Amino acid sequence: MCPSSCRNPHHWQYWVLINDEPKEGTILIEMPYPYVIEMICDWWAFSWIKGDLSEMFAWYKDHADYIKLH
């Protein structure tokens, strides 16, 4: 079953298409602006619940090389 990240358009993974042939690589689709804002709000809310709003910046720094955005 697909995790929520590939079913919800505010997750960056939703906008990454993986080809059946590995040599063809992946296709990055531009995330519409409203979903970018929703994604950032999601990160902020997670940090707020943890009680440290700066957590979202540390999390992004740790994952920036992995996250694929168009």
N, C-alpha and C. Protein backbone atom coordinates (compact mmCIF):
# COMPACT_ATOMS: atom_id res chain seq x y z
N MET A 1 0.83 -1.19 0.00
CA MET A 1 0.00 0.00 0.00
C MET A 1 0.88 1.25 0.00
N CYS A 2 0.43 2.22 -0.68
CA CYS A 2 1.14 3.49 -0.80
C CYS A 2 1.02 4.29 0.49
N PRO A 3 2.15 4.81 1.02
CA PRO A 3 2.06 5.65 2.22
C PRO A 3 1.34 6.97 1.90
N SER A 4 0.96 7.68 2.94
CA SER A 4 0.22 8.93 2.73
C SER A 4 1.01 9.94 1.90
N SER A 5 2.34 9.84 1.92
CA SER A 5 3.15 10.80 1.18
C SER A 5 2.95 10.72 -0.33
N CYS A 6 2.52 9.58 -0.84
CA CYS A 6 2.31 9.49 -2.29
C CYS A 6 0.84 9.67 -2.66
N ARG A 7 -0.01 9.89 -1.67
CA ARG A 7 -1.44 10.12 -1.94
C ARG A 7 -1.87 11.55 -1.67
N ASN A 8 -1.04 12.31 -1.00
CA ASN A 8 -1.41 13.68 -0.61
C ASN A 8 -0.53 14.68 -1.36
N PRO A 9 -1.15 15.60 -2.11
CA PRO A 9 -0.36 16.51 -2.94
C PRO A 9 0.46 17.53 -2.17
N HIS A 10 0.30 17.63 -0.85
CA HIS A 10 1.17 18.54 -0.10
C HIS A 10 2.46 17.85 0.35
N HIS A 11 2.66 16.60 -0.04
CA HIS A 11 3.92 15.89 0.20
C HIS A 11 4.73 15.91 -1.09
N TRP A 12 6.01 16.24 -0.99
CA TRP A 12 6.83 16.35 -2.19
C TRP A 12 6.90 15.04 -2.96
N GLN A 13 6.81 13.89 -2.27
CA GLN A 13 6.89 12.59 -2.94
C GLN A 13 5.77 12.38 -3.95
N TYR A 14 4.64 13.03 -3.74
CA TYR A 14 3.50 12.93 -4.64
C TYR A 14 3.87 13.40 -6.04
N TRP A 15 4.81 14.33 -6.14
CA TRP A 15 5.18 14.97 -7.39
C TRP A 15 6.41 14.36 -8.04
N VAL A 16 6.85 13.19 -7.58
CA VAL A 16 7.99 12.49 -8.15
C VAL A 16 7.49 11.21 -8.81
N LEU A 17 7.71 11.10 -10.10
CA LEU A 17 7.33 9.90 -10.83
C LEU A 17 8.55 9.02 -11.02
N ILE A 18 8.43 7.77 -10.65
CA ILE A 18 9.53 6.82 -10.79
C ILE A 18 9.23 5.92 -11.97
N ASN A 19 10.14 5.91 -12.93
CA ASN A 19 9.97 5.07 -14.12
C ASN A 19 10.16 3.60 -13.79
N ASP A 20 9.55 2.74 -14.57
CA ASP A 20 9.72 1.30 -14.39
C ASP A 20 11.15 0.87 -14.70
N GLU A 21 11.79 1.56 -15.62
CA GLU A 21 13.17 1.26 -15.98
C GLU A 21 14.10 2.20 -15.21
N PRO A 22 14.92 1.66 -14.30
CA PRO A 22 15.80 2.52 -13.49
C PRO A 22 16.68 3.45 -14.32
N LYS A 23 17.11 3.00 -15.49
CA LYS A 23 18.00 3.83 -16.32
C LYS A 23 17.29 5.09 -16.82
N GLU A 24 15.96 5.08 -16.80
CA GLU A 24 15.20 6.26 -17.22
C GLU A 24 15.06 7.29 -16.11
N GLY A 25 15.44 6.93 -14.90
CA GLY A 25 15.43 7.88 -13.79
C GLY A 25 14.04 8.26 -13.32
N THR A 26 13.97 9.43 -12.73
CA THR A 26 12.70 9.92 -12.19
C THR A 26 12.30 11.21 -12.91
N ILE A 27 11.04 11.53 -12.82
CA ILE A 27 10.52 12.77 -13.40
C ILE A 27 9.97 13.60 -12.25
N LEU A 28 10.44 14.85 -12.16
CA LEU A 28 9.96 15.76 -11.13
C LEU A 28 8.91 16.68 -11.75
N ILE A 29 7.74 16.70 -11.15
CA ILE A 29 6.65 17.56 -11.60
C ILE A 29 6.59 18.77 -10.67
N GLU A 30 6.43 19.94 -11.25
CA GLU A 30 6.38 21.15 -10.43
C GLU A 30 5.19 21.11 -9.47
N MET A 31 5.48 21.33 -8.20
CA MET A 31 4.44 21.35 -7.17
C MET A 31 3.75 22.71 -7.22
N PRO A 32 2.43 22.73 -7.37
CA PRO A 32 1.72 24.01 -7.37
C PRO A 32 1.92 24.76 -6.05
N TYR A 33 1.99 26.07 -6.16
CA TYR A 33 2.28 26.93 -5.02
C TYR A 33 1.41 26.66 -3.80
N PRO A 34 0.09 26.50 -3.94
CA PRO A 34 -0.72 26.24 -2.74
C PRO A 34 -0.29 24.98 -1.97
N TYR A 35 0.19 23.97 -2.69
CA TYR A 35 0.66 22.75 -2.02
C TYR A 35 2.01 22.96 -1.36
N VAL A 36 2.84 23.83 -1.94
CA VAL A 36 4.11 24.18 -1.29
C VAL A 36 3.82 24.83 0.06
N ILE A 37 2.89 25.76 0.07
CA ILE A 37 2.52 26.43 1.33
C ILE A 37 1.96 25.42 2.33
N GLU A 38 1.12 24.51 1.85
CA GLU A 38 0.55 23.49 2.74
C GLU A 38 1.64 22.58 3.30
N MET A 39 2.64 22.23 2.48
CA MET A 39 3.75 21.40 2.92
C MET A 39 4.53 22.11 4.03
N ILE A 40 4.82 23.38 3.83
CA ILE A 40 5.56 24.15 4.84
C ILE A 40 4.75 24.26 6.13
N CYS A 41 3.45 24.47 6.00
CA CYS A 41 2.58 24.52 7.19
C CYS A 41 2.58 23.18 7.93
N ASP A 42 2.63 22.10 7.18
CA ASP A 42 2.70 20.76 7.76
C ASP A 42 3.98 20.60 8.57
N TRP A 43 5.10 21.03 8.00
CA TRP A 43 6.38 20.97 8.72
C TRP A 43 6.32 21.84 9.97
N TRP A 44 5.76 23.04 9.83
CA TRP A 44 5.66 23.96 10.96
C TRP A 44 4.81 23.35 12.07
N ALA A 45 3.67 22.76 11.70
CA ALA A 45 2.76 22.16 12.70
C ALA A 45 3.45 21.03 13.45
N PHE A 46 4.22 20.22 12.74
CA PHE A 46 4.95 19.13 13.39
C PHE A 46 5.93 19.70 14.42
N SER A 47 6.64 20.77 14.04
CA SER A 47 7.58 21.40 14.96
C SER A 47 6.86 22.02 16.15
N TRP A 48 5.71 22.63 15.90
CA TRP A 48 4.93 23.26 16.96
C TRP A 48 4.47 22.22 17.98
N ILE A 49 4.01 21.08 17.50
CA ILE A 49 3.58 20.00 18.40
C ILE A 49 4.75 19.50 19.24
N LYS A 50 5.94 19.46 18.65
CA LYS A 50 7.13 19.02 19.39
C LYS A 50 7.61 20.09 20.37
N GLY A 51 7.09 21.31 20.25
CA GLY A 51 7.46 22.38 21.18
C GLY A 51 8.71 23.14 20.79
N ASP A 52 9.17 22.99 19.55
CA ASP A 52 10.38 23.68 19.11
C ASP A 52 10.20 24.07 17.64
N LEU A 53 9.80 25.33 17.41
CA LEU A 53 9.52 25.77 16.04
C LEU A 53 10.75 25.77 15.15
N SER A 54 11.94 25.84 15.73
CA SER A 54 13.16 25.80 14.91
C SER A 54 13.44 24.39 14.40
N GLU A 55 12.73 23.40 14.92
CA GLU A 55 12.92 22.01 14.51
C GLU A 55 12.72 21.84 13.00
N MET A 56 11.78 22.58 12.41
CA MET A 56 11.52 22.42 10.98
C MET A 56 12.74 22.79 10.15
N PHE A 57 13.52 23.77 10.60
CA PHE A 57 14.71 24.17 9.85
C PHE A 57 15.81 23.12 9.98
N ALA A 58 15.96 22.55 11.17
CA ALA A 58 16.93 21.47 11.37
C ALA A 58 16.53 20.24 10.56
N TRP A 59 15.24 19.93 10.57
CA TRP A 59 14.75 18.77 9.81
C TRP A 59 15.01 18.96 8.32
N TYR A 60 14.70 20.17 7.81
CA TYR A 60 14.93 20.43 6.39
C TYR A 60 16.41 20.33 6.05
N LYS A 61 17.26 20.88 6.90
CA LYS A 61 18.70 20.83 6.65
C LYS A 61 19.17 19.38 6.57
N ASP A 62 18.66 18.53 7.45
CA ASP A 62 19.04 17.11 7.46
C ASP A 62 18.51 16.36 6.24
N HIS A 63 17.42 16.81 5.65
CA HIS A 63 16.78 16.08 4.55
C HIS A 63 16.88 16.78 3.19
N ALA A 64 17.45 17.96 3.13
CA ALA A 64 17.46 18.76 1.90
C ALA A 64 18.07 18.03 0.71
N ASP A 65 19.10 17.24 0.94
CA ASP A 65 19.74 16.53 -0.18
C ASP A 65 18.87 15.40 -0.72
N TYR A 66 17.94 14.93 0.08
CA TYR A 66 17.07 13.82 -0.31
C TYR A 66 15.77 14.30 -0.96
N ILE A 67 15.27 15.44 -0.48
CA ILE A 67 14.00 15.97 -0.98
C ILE A 67 14.18 16.43 -2.42
N LYS A 68 13.27 16.00 -3.28
CA LYS A 68 13.35 16.37 -4.69
C LYS A 68 12.19 17.29 -5.03
N LEU A 69 12.53 18.53 -5.34
CA LEU A 69 11.52 19.51 -5.73
C LEU A 69 11.86 20.04 -7.11
N HIS A 70 10.84 20.35 -7.89
CA HIS A 70 11.04 20.91 -9.23
C HIS A 70 11.26 22.39 -9.10
